[in-house]
């Protein structure tokens, strides 16, 4: 039995007593770490020998096998500072060495890059946005080759625009721009002319703007359209001057959100000119205001652009990377525009016919002319003075107070009628005045009983 003071035998690979434990470096520990989505500058380089193509060691697995090692005559340049880089790779495929680009000088900073930190941050942010679109295109266009490309002379300078994505499939070429910052007009002009001179007129030049970034998207409401049998709603956008410049140069402008692209068409306000047999007043007055479409590229006079949503993979379903399905919807909108105008003009003609019928059916008001009437002479109609009422002696003796009571005045007939009688109408005789008798209980008795 060993002595209690004797220490057990240690393995030759065990750590010395008192030293901190070593970190796990096996494959299981490496799989547990979450890698940052931001690109590392040591994985990217501008290949001046390949017409400015950007090498991405993370996405190009065959790069260590096909690229020369070392300085390669200054072939590799840093995307931020523009200095020559040294390419280091594994000696054997089983060595486990991670290939990377490194700077020759030993300067402080990320990856020993001499560029200012703000400049490195801008380059890294631009590359992050462009590489995200690169991954989307690779996923939806499996038969196409997608790469980043930039003018080699811009290495080390502050990018006015990020590198472009060049998509090739058979004989089709598409150059896709993915701007992140605000663009200047001279920079856009140089990029448009450079792409046309480099790839020719056969290449399609796309400009993808962020649909969710208010810096490049000015929402202008919605428009209800019916290209086919079912009505749909399209988003409207107020195009920026730079976006109008791009469309006027013949390039294609669109917006992207996740895996959906929005293809624009132009909207022009229009007021229908009334024809001689039309009436646009009343209930259909507002129908005179309409709009016209311009396509496949928005016209220069469009006050707003309507957006047709399409999946990103729709760009690769036809030759030339053209959104043929969006163009078909635009043609349907133009046909619906003609049908909408014909329908409204038919309603305007019906409105004119209805108003004309109402004017003919309204009765005319007749004016009655009354001849002048000469005033008739005034005539006092009443009881003659020589005619006295007959009073019974018995009643006079029995009712002295009744006989002496004042009587109401006789009714007076108006001097003349308001209208003169016609020539064939008989003249009306004046009414005869009658004396009203006072009611008494004695008057109910027979005459012989009144005494």
Protein backbone atom coordinates (compact mmCIF):
# COMPACT_ATOMS: atom_id res chain seq x y z
CA UNK A 1 0.00 0.00 0.00
CA UNK A 2 1.56 3.36 -1.02
CA UNK A 3 2.42 5.95 1.53
CA UNK A 4 -0.16 8.70 2.08
CA UNK A 5 2.45 11.35 1.26
CA UNK A 6 3.31 9.80 -2.09
CA UNK A 7 1.69 11.61 -5.07
CA UNK A 8 0.14 9.50 -7.83
CA UNK A 9 1.98 9.16 -11.11
CA UNK A 10 0.97 11.86 -13.68
CA UNK A 11 0.53 11.41 -17.38
CA UNK A 12 3.25 13.02 -19.48
CA UNK A 13 0.49 15.00 -21.35
CA UNK A 14 -1.15 16.28 -18.17
CA UNK A 15 -0.84 19.95 -17.19
CA UNK A 16 1.49 20.93 -14.43
CA UNK A 17 -0.05 21.56 -11.03
CA UNK A 18 -1.24 25.16 -10.60
CA UNK A 19 -1.59 25.96 -14.35
CA UNK A 20 -5.03 26.92 -15.76
CA UNK A 21 -6.84 24.28 -17.79
CA UNK A 22 -6.33 24.39 -21.52
CA UNK A 23 -9.19 25.44 -23.79
CA UNK A 24 -10.83 22.80 -25.93
CA UNK A 25 -9.65 23.08 -29.52
CA UNK A 26 -11.17 19.96 -30.95
CA UNK A 27 -13.81 19.88 -33.67
CA UNK A 28 -16.67 19.68 -31.18
CA UNK A 29 -15.67 22.99 -29.57
CA UNK A 30 -15.26 24.70 -32.96
CA UNK A 31 -18.73 23.58 -34.04
CA UNK A 32 -20.26 25.14 -30.94
CA UNK A 33 -19.05 28.66 -31.74
CA UNK A 34 -21.28 31.00 -33.74
CA UNK A 35 -19.45 32.71 -36.54
CA UNK A 36 -20.08 36.39 -37.18
CA UNK A 37 -21.98 37.13 -40.40
CA UNK A 38 -19.62 40.01 -41.15
CA UNK A 39 -16.92 39.15 -43.69
CA UNK A 40 -13.35 39.00 -42.48
CA UNK A 41 -10.91 41.18 -44.35
CA UNK A 42 -8.35 38.36 -44.29
CA UNK A 43 -10.72 36.25 -46.41
CA UNK A 44 -11.21 38.85 -49.16
CA UNK A 45 -8.85 40.22 -51.78
CA UNK A 46 -9.04 41.96 -55.15
CA UNK A 47 -7.55 39.81 -57.90
CA UNK A 48 -5.93 42.25 -60.32
CA UNK A 49 -5.06 39.42 -62.71
CA UNK A 50 -8.75 38.42 -63.07
CA UNK A 51 -10.09 41.85 -64.08
CA UNK A 52 -10.87 43.00 -60.53
CA UNK A 53 -12.71 39.92 -59.33
CA UNK A 54 -12.99 39.76 -55.53
CA UNK A 55 -11.75 36.49 -54.06
CA UNK A 56 -13.83 35.19 -51.17
CA UNK A 57 -12.12 32.29 -49.45
CA UNK A 58 -15.22 31.44 -47.43
CA UNK A 59 -17.46 30.98 -50.50
CA UNK A 60 -14.87 29.70 -53.00
CA UNK A 61 -13.75 26.32 -51.75
CA UNK A 62 -11.51 25.72 -54.77
CA UNK A 63 -9.49 28.92 -54.29
CA UNK A 64 -6.63 27.34 -52.26
CA UNK A 65 -6.07 24.75 -54.97
CA UNK A 66 -6.12 27.04 -58.01
CA UNK A 67 -4.53 30.27 -56.71
CA UNK A 68 -0.76 30.73 -56.51
CA UNK A 69 0.72 31.15 -53.03
CA UNK A 70 2.70 34.03 -51.66
CA UNK A 71 2.80 37.54 -53.14
CA UNK A 72 2.20 36.34 -56.73
CA UNK A 73 3.79 39.48 -58.14
CA UNK A 74 1.40 41.85 -56.34
CA UNK A 75 -1.66 40.11 -57.74
CA UNK A 76 -3.74 40.27 -54.55
CA UNK A 77 -4.77 43.66 -53.14
CA UNK A 78 -6.50 44.59 -49.92
CA UNK A 79 -10.08 45.84 -50.35
CA UNK A 80 -9.61 48.59 -47.75
CA UNK A 81 -6.04 49.90 -47.99
CA UNK A 82 -5.08 48.63 -51.45
CA UNK A 83 -1.72 47.21 -50.30
CA UNK A 84 -0.39 43.94 -51.79
CA UNK A 85 -1.33 40.83 -49.84
CA UNK A 86 0.31 37.47 -49.26
CA UNK A 87 -1.78 34.37 -49.81
CA UNK A 88 -1.06 31.53 -47.43
CA UNK A 89 -2.67 28.13 -47.75
CA UNK A 90 -2.38 24.61 -46.37
CA UNK A 91 0.54 22.49 -47.44
CA UNK A 92 -1.67 19.42 -47.68
CA UNK A 93 -5.48 19.11 -47.72
CA UNK A 94 -5.35 17.16 -44.45
CA UNK A 95 -3.26 19.71 -42.56
CA UNK A 96 -6.29 21.66 -41.31
CA UNK A 97 -4.65 25.04 -41.97
CA UNK A 98 -7.14 27.81 -42.76
CA UNK A 99 -6.15 29.74 -45.91
CA UNK A 100 -6.06 33.51 -45.59
CA UNK A 101 -4.64 36.73 -46.97
CA UNK A 102 -2.27 38.71 -44.78
CA UNK A 103 -0.46 42.01 -45.02
CA UNK A 104 3.28 42.16 -45.52
CA UNK A 105 3.90 44.98 -43.07
CA UNK A 106 3.33 44.60 -39.35
CA UNK A 107 1.05 47.56 -38.64
CA UNK A 108 -1.53 47.75 -35.84
CA UNK A 109 -5.20 47.30 -36.68
CA UNK A 110 -7.61 44.61 -37.79
CA UNK A 111 -5.71 42.09 -39.95
CA UNK A 112 -2.81 44.59 -39.83
CA UNK A 113 -4.58 46.85 -42.34
CA UNK A 114 -3.36 50.46 -42.50
CA UNK A 115 -6.74 51.90 -43.59
CA UNK A 116 -8.65 54.06 -41.08
CA UNK A 117 -11.18 52.26 -38.93
CA UNK A 118 -14.11 54.20 -40.42
CA UNK A 119 -13.02 53.29 -43.93
CA UNK A 120 -12.68 49.64 -42.99
CA UNK A 121 -16.16 49.72 -41.43
CA UNK A 122 -17.70 51.18 -44.61
CA UNK A 123 -16.00 48.57 -46.79
CA UNK A 124 -17.09 45.77 -44.50
CA UNK A 125 -20.70 47.04 -44.41
CA UNK A 126 -20.86 47.33 -48.20
CA UNK A 127 -19.44 43.86 -48.67
CA UNK A 128 -21.89 42.44 -46.14
CA UNK A 129 -24.89 43.73 -48.11
CA UNK A 130 -23.52 42.63 -51.48
CA UNK A 131 -22.49 39.19 -50.25
CA UNK A 132 -25.97 38.63 -48.78
CA UNK A 133 -27.46 39.23 -52.23
CA UNK A 134 -24.75 36.99 -53.68
CA UNK A 135 -25.90 34.11 -51.49
CA UNK A 136 -29.54 34.66 -52.51
CA UNK A 137 -28.68 34.59 -56.22
CA UNK A 138 -26.59 31.45 -55.84
CA UNK A 139 -29.54 29.74 -54.14
CA UNK A 140 -32.21 30.72 -56.72
CA UNK A 141 -29.96 30.51 -59.82
CA UNK A 142 -28.14 27.20 -59.43
CA UNK A 143 -26.96 27.06 -63.04
CA UNK A 144 -25.44 30.56 -63.04
CA UNK A 145 -22.04 31.74 -61.83
CA UNK A 146 -22.11 34.76 -59.52
CA UNK A 147 -19.06 36.78 -58.51
CA UNK A 148 -18.14 40.21 -57.13
CA UNK A 149 -16.19 42.51 -59.41
CA UNK A 150 -14.74 46.01 -59.07
CA UNK A 151 -12.36 48.28 -60.94
CA UNK A 152 -8.84 47.33 -59.74
CA UNK A 153 -7.84 50.99 -59.79
CA UNK A 154 -10.27 51.67 -56.96
CA UNK A 155 -8.34 49.45 -54.55
CA UNK A 156 -7.47 51.48 -51.46
CA UNK A 157 -9.87 54.33 -52.28
CA UNK A 158 -13.13 55.09 -50.57
CA UNK A 159 -15.82 53.36 -52.56
CA UNK A 160 -18.52 55.61 -53.92
CA UNK A 161 -20.37 52.43 -54.80
CA UNK A 162 -19.85 48.86 -53.61
CA UNK A 163 -18.62 46.13 -55.98
CA UNK A 164 -21.08 44.86 -58.55
CA UNK A 165 -22.41 41.33 -58.85
CA UNK A 166 -21.77 39.77 -62.25
CA UNK A 167 -24.12 36.89 -63.11
CA UNK A 168 -23.24 34.68 -66.08
CA UNK A 169 -25.26 31.85 -67.56
CA UNK A 170 -24.41 30.59 -71.02
CA UNK A 171 -24.25 33.74 -73.15
CA UNK A 172 -26.36 35.87 -70.80
CA UNK A 173 -24.72 38.46 -68.57
CA UNK A 174 -26.38 40.54 -65.86
CA UNK A 175 -24.60 43.20 -63.81
CA UNK A 176 -26.38 43.84 -60.50
CA UNK A 177 -25.71 46.87 -58.30
CA UNK A 178 -26.66 46.82 -54.63
CA UNK A 179 -26.13 50.36 -53.25
CA UNK A 180 -26.32 50.94 -49.52
CA UNK A 181 -25.53 54.65 -49.14
CA UNK A 182 -26.92 57.66 -50.98
CA UNK A 183 -25.62 57.90 -54.51
CA UNK A 184 -24.12 60.90 -56.28
CA UNK A 185 -25.05 61.68 -59.87
CA UNK A 186 -21.44 61.69 -61.20
CA UNK A 187 -20.74 58.30 -59.61
CA UNK A 188 -23.87 56.81 -61.18
CA UNK A 189 -22.94 58.24 -64.57
CA UNK A 190 -19.45 56.74 -64.39
CA UNK A 191 -20.80 53.33 -63.36
CA UNK A 192 -23.39 53.30 -66.16
CA UNK A 193 -20.85 54.21 -68.83
CA UNK A 194 -18.25 51.79 -67.40
CA UNK A 195 -20.60 48.80 -67.45
CA UNK A 196 -21.75 49.60 -70.98
CA UNK A 197 -18.17 49.91 -72.23
CA UNK A 198 -17.05 46.75 -70.44
CA UNK A 199 -19.90 44.33 -71.11
CA UNK A 200 -21.68 45.87 -74.10
CA UNK A 201 -25.32 46.64 -74.68
CA UNK A 202 -26.33 42.98 -74.49
CA UNK A 203 -25.74 42.88 -70.73
CA UNK A 204 -28.66 43.75 -68.45
CA UNK A 205 -27.74 46.35 -65.84
CA UNK A 206 -29.83 45.97 -62.67
CA UNK A 207 -29.96 48.32 -59.68
CA UNK A 208 -31.37 46.68 -56.54
CA UNK A 209 -32.53 49.06 -53.78
CA UNK A 210 -33.65 48.02 -50.32
CA UNK A 211 -37.45 47.96 -50.06
CA UNK A 212 -37.30 48.39 -46.28
CA UNK A 213 -34.82 51.30 -46.28
CA UNK A 214 -36.50 54.72 -46.27
CA UNK A 215 -33.29 56.16 -47.67
CA UNK A 216 -34.08 54.56 -51.03
CA UNK A 217 -37.85 53.97 -50.80
CA UNK A 218 -40.42 56.79 -50.54
CA UNK A 219 -43.83 55.19 -50.15
CA UNK A 220 -46.63 56.97 -52.07
CA UNK A 221 -49.67 54.84 -51.22
CA UNK A 222 -51.35 52.07 -53.22
CA UNK A 223 -53.19 51.79 -56.52
CA UNK A 224 -55.95 49.27 -57.25
CA UNK A 225 -55.56 47.61 -60.64
CA UNK A 226 -57.16 44.69 -62.42
CA UNK A 227 -54.79 43.32 -65.05
CA UNK A 228 -56.80 40.11 -65.28
CA UNK A 229 -60.10 39.00 -63.78
CA UNK A 230 -59.05 39.52 -60.16
CA UNK A 231 -58.37 43.01 -58.73
CA UNK A 232 -55.04 43.50 -56.95
CA UNK A 233 -53.29 46.35 -55.15
CA UNK A 234 -49.86 47.62 -56.19
CA UNK A 235 -47.59 49.72 -54.01
CA UNK A 236 -46.67 53.16 -55.33
CA UNK A 237 -43.30 54.84 -54.78
CA UNK A 238 -42.00 58.34 -55.44
CA UNK A 239 -38.77 57.79 -57.38
CA UNK A 240 -35.67 59.69 -56.32
CA UNK A 241 -33.78 61.79 -58.91
CA UNK A 242 -30.99 59.20 -59.01
CA UNK A 243 -33.51 56.44 -59.70
CA UNK A 244 -35.03 58.50 -62.51
CA UNK A 245 -31.54 59.02 -63.93
CA UNK A 246 -30.89 55.28 -63.94
CA UNK A 247 -34.20 54.50 -65.66
CA UNK A 248 -33.64 57.25 -68.25
CA UNK A 249 -30.25 55.70 -69.11
CA UNK A 250 -31.93 52.39 -69.97
CA UNK A 251 -30.91 50.46 -66.85
CA UNK A 252 -33.41 48.46 -64.79
CA UNK A 253 -34.42 49.71 -61.34
CA UNK A 254 -36.10 47.47 -58.78
CA UNK A 255 -36.48 47.02 -55.04
CA UNK A 256 -35.79 43.88 -53.03
CA UNK A 257 -37.16 42.59 -49.74
CA UNK A 258 -36.04 39.13 -48.65
CA UNK A 259 -36.61 36.91 -51.72
CA UNK A 260 -39.10 39.25 -53.45
CA UNK A 261 -38.25 41.86 -56.07
CA UNK A 262 -40.54 44.74 -57.08
CA UNK A 263 -40.47 45.72 -60.76
CA UNK A 264 -41.67 49.31 -61.47
CA UNK A 265 -43.86 50.80 -64.18
CA UNK A 266 -44.66 54.48 -64.68
CA UNK A 267 -47.92 56.16 -63.64
CA UNK A 268 -48.94 59.38 -65.43
CA UNK A 269 -52.01 61.40 -64.30
CA UNK A 270 -54.49 61.91 -67.15
CA UNK A 271 -57.80 63.77 -67.60
CA UNK A 272 -60.14 62.57 -70.33
CA UNK A 273 -61.04 65.26 -72.87
CA UNK A 274 -64.85 65.46 -73.30
CA UNK A 275 -66.23 64.60 -76.73
CA UNK A 276 -69.16 66.55 -78.23
CA UNK A 277 -71.68 63.85 -77.27
CA UNK A 278 -70.36 63.34 -73.71
CA UNK A 279 -71.25 64.91 -70.38
CA UNK A 280 -68.74 64.42 -67.54
CA UNK A 281 -70.70 66.37 -64.91
CA UNK A 282 -72.70 65.11 -62.00
CA UNK A 283 -71.95 61.73 -60.47
CA UNK A 284 -69.24 60.82 -63.00
CA UNK A 285 -67.26 64.05 -62.72
CA UNK A 286 -64.50 62.31 -60.77
CA UNK A 287 -64.21 59.59 -63.44
CA UNK A 288 -62.66 62.07 -65.82
CA UNK A 289 -59.45 61.84 -63.77
CA UNK A 290 -57.47 58.75 -64.76
CA UNK A 291 -53.86 57.62 -65.23
CA UNK A 292 -51.76 56.15 -68.02
CA UNK A 293 -49.01 53.53 -67.80
CA UNK A 294 -45.49 53.66 -69.27
CA UNK A 295 -43.50 50.42 -69.55
CA UNK A 296 -41.34 48.32 -69.60
CA UNK A 297 -39.27 51.16 -68.12
CA UNK A 298 -41.02 54.05 -66.34
CA UNK A 299 -41.30 57.19 -68.45
CA UNK A 300 -39.62 60.46 -67.55
CA UNK A 301 -42.94 62.21 -66.84
CA UNK A 302 -44.29 59.61 -64.42
CA UNK A 303 -45.22 61.17 -61.09
CA UNK A 304 -45.24 57.80 -59.33
CA UNK A 305 -44.08 54.26 -60.01
CA UNK A 306 -46.20 51.19 -59.43
CA UNK A 307 -44.43 48.06 -58.20
CA UNK A 308 -45.16 44.52 -59.39
CA UNK A 309 -43.97 41.91 -56.85
CA UNK A 310 -42.14 38.88 -58.21
CA UNK A 311 -40.08 36.11 -56.60
CA UNK A 312 -36.35 36.55 -57.06
CA UNK A 313 -36.09 33.26 -58.92
CA UNK A 314 -38.33 34.72 -61.67
CA UNK A 315 -35.30 36.61 -63.01
CA UNK A 316 -33.71 33.31 -64.00
CA UNK A 317 -36.70 31.65 -65.64
CA UNK A 318 -36.14 33.38 -69.00
CA UNK A 319 -33.15 34.24 -71.11
CA UNK A 320 -31.31 37.47 -70.45
CA UNK A 321 -32.34 37.63 -66.77
CA UNK A 322 -35.41 39.65 -67.75
CA UNK A 323 -38.66 39.73 -65.71
CA UNK A 324 -40.88 38.49 -68.52
CA UNK A 325 -43.81 37.78 -66.21
CA UNK A 326 -43.76 41.39 -64.99
CA UNK A 327 -43.76 42.63 -68.58
CA UNK A 328 -46.82 40.48 -69.28
CA UNK A 329 -48.65 42.09 -66.35
CA UNK A 330 -47.73 45.54 -67.69
CA UNK A 331 -49.18 44.66 -71.09
CA UNK A 332 -52.37 43.51 -69.37
CA UNK A 333 -52.51 46.82 -67.46
CA UNK A 334 -52.26 48.72 -70.73
CA UNK A 335 -55.14 46.70 -72.21
CA UNK A 336 -57.18 47.33 -69.06
CA UNK A 337 -56.40 51.03 -69.44
CA UNK A 338 -58.06 51.11 -72.86
CA UNK A 339 -61.08 49.18 -71.60
CA UNK A 340 -61.39 51.51 -68.62
CA UNK A 341 -61.45 54.58 -70.87
CA UNK A 342 -64.07 53.08 -73.19
CA UNK A 343 -66.27 52.20 -70.22
CA UNK A 344 -66.06 55.70 -68.76
CA UNK A 345 -66.77 57.39 -72.08
CA UNK A 346 -69.84 55.18 -72.53
CA UNK A 347 -71.10 56.34 -69.13
CA UNK A 348 -70.44 59.96 -70.14
CA UNK A 349 -72.54 59.51 -73.30
CA UNK A 350 -75.35 57.90 -71.29
CA UNK A 351 -75.21 60.80 -68.86
CA UNK A 352 -75.53 63.27 -71.74
CA UNK A 353 -78.58 61.41 -73.15
CA UNK A 354 -80.27 61.33 -69.74
CA UNK A 355 -79.83 65.05 -69.22
CA UNK A 356 -81.16 65.81 -72.71
CA UNK A 357 -84.23 63.63 -72.05
CA UNK A 358 -84.91 65.39 -68.76
CA UNK A 359 -84.79 68.79 -70.42
CA UNK A 360 -87.41 67.74 -73.04
CA UNK A 361 -89.73 66.08 -70.50
CA UNK A 362 -89.98 69.02 -68.08
CA UNK A 363 -93.43 70.90 -68.47
CA UNK A 364 -93.35 74.57 -69.42
CA UNK A 365 -95.00 76.97 -66.95
CA UNK A 366 -97.94 78.89 -68.53
CA UNK A 367 -98.46 82.58 -67.75
CA UNK A 368 -102.08 83.59 -67.01
CA UNK A 369 -103.02 87.08 -68.21
CA UNK A 370 -105.89 88.70 -66.22
CA UNK A 371 -107.78 91.52 -67.97
CA UNK A 372 -108.17 94.81 -66.20
CA UNK A 373 -111.39 95.06 -64.15
CA UNK A 374 -113.21 98.37 -63.89
CA UNK A 375 -114.44 99.11 -60.36
CA UNK A 376 -118.18 98.65 -59.89
CA UNK A 377 -120.26 101.43 -58.26
CA UNK A 378 -120.73 101.02 -54.54
CA UNK A 379 -124.20 99.81 -53.56
CA UNK A 380 -125.57 99.73 -50.03
CA UNK A 381 -127.65 96.65 -49.71
CA UNK A 382 -129.95 96.46 -46.68
CA UNK A 383 -133.53 96.65 -45.48
CA UNK A 384 -135.72 99.38 -46.93
CA UNK A 385 -136.65 102.16 -44.57
CA UNK A 386 -140.34 102.03 -45.40
CA UNK A 387 -140.53 98.39 -44.62
CA UNK A 388 -140.83 97.76 -40.91
CA UNK A 389 -140.79 94.34 -39.35
CA UNK A 390 -144.14 92.96 -38.23
CA UNK A 391 -144.32 92.49 -34.50
CA UNK A 392 -147.10 90.61 -32.80
CA UNK A 393 -149.03 92.66 -30.23
CA UNK A 394 -149.09 89.84 -27.76
CA UNK A 395 -145.37 89.35 -28.04
CA UNK A 396 -144.78 93.04 -27.72
CA UNK A 397 -146.81 93.21 -24.53
CA UNK A 398 -145.36 90.04 -23.05
CA UNK A 399 -141.76 90.74 -23.95
CA UNK A 400 -141.10 94.41 -23.62
CA UNK A 401 -137.47 93.85 -22.79
CA UNK A 402 -137.05 91.63 -25.83
CA UNK A 403 -138.46 94.18 -28.21
CA UNK A 404 -136.33 96.93 -26.75
CA UNK A 405 -133.12 94.91 -26.85
CA UNK A 406 -130.65 96.09 -29.47
CA UNK A 407 -130.33 93.93 -32.51
CA UNK A 408 -127.03 93.01 -34.21
CA UNK A 409 -126.28 94.99 -37.33
CA UNK A 410 -127.20 93.56 -40.62
CA UNK A 411 -124.49 91.83 -42.61
CA UNK A 412 -122.91 93.97 -45.25
CA UNK A 413 -122.28 92.57 -48.69
CA UNK A 414 -118.97 93.55 -50.34
CA UNK A 415 -119.35 96.25 -52.91
CA UNK A 416 -118.28 94.06 -55.81
CA UNK A 417 -117.00 90.63 -56.59
CA UNK A 418 -113.20 90.22 -56.97
CA UNK A 419 -113.67 88.74 -60.40
CA UNK A 420 -116.07 90.07 -62.96
CA UNK A 421 -118.53 87.54 -64.41
CA UNK A 422 -117.78 86.20 -67.82
CA UNK A 423 -119.78 87.16 -70.84
CA UNK A 424 -121.82 83.98 -70.72
CA UNK A 425 -122.20 83.77 -66.95
CA UNK A 426 -125.31 85.26 -65.20
CA UNK A 427 -124.73 88.05 -62.76
CA UNK A 428 -125.07 87.05 -59.12
CA UNK A 429 -127.86 88.76 -57.13
CA UNK A 430 -126.84 90.21 -53.80
CA UNK A 431 -127.85 88.15 -50.77
CA UNK A 432 -130.94 89.22 -48.79
CA UNK A 433 -130.35 90.19 -45.20
CA UNK A 434 -132.32 88.13 -42.67
CA UNK A 435 -133.15 89.03 -39.07
CA UNK A 436 -132.03 86.58 -36.44
CA UNK A 437 -134.60 85.80 -33.70
CA UNK A 438 -133.60 85.38 -30.09
CA UNK A 439 -134.21 81.98 -28.56
CA UNK A 440 -136.66 81.84 -25.61
CA UNK A 441 -138.46 79.02 -23.90
CA UNK A 442 -141.71 80.85 -24.55
CA UNK A 443 -141.18 80.46 -28.25
CA UNK A 444 -141.55 76.72 -27.92
CA UNK A 445 -145.16 77.06 -26.70
CA UNK A 446 -148.08 77.25 -29.09
CA UNK A 447 -149.10 80.77 -29.95
CA UNK A 448 -152.41 80.50 -28.08
CA UNK A 449 -150.65 79.49 -24.86
CA UNK A 450 -148.25 82.41 -24.81
CA UNK A 451 -150.77 84.74 -23.16
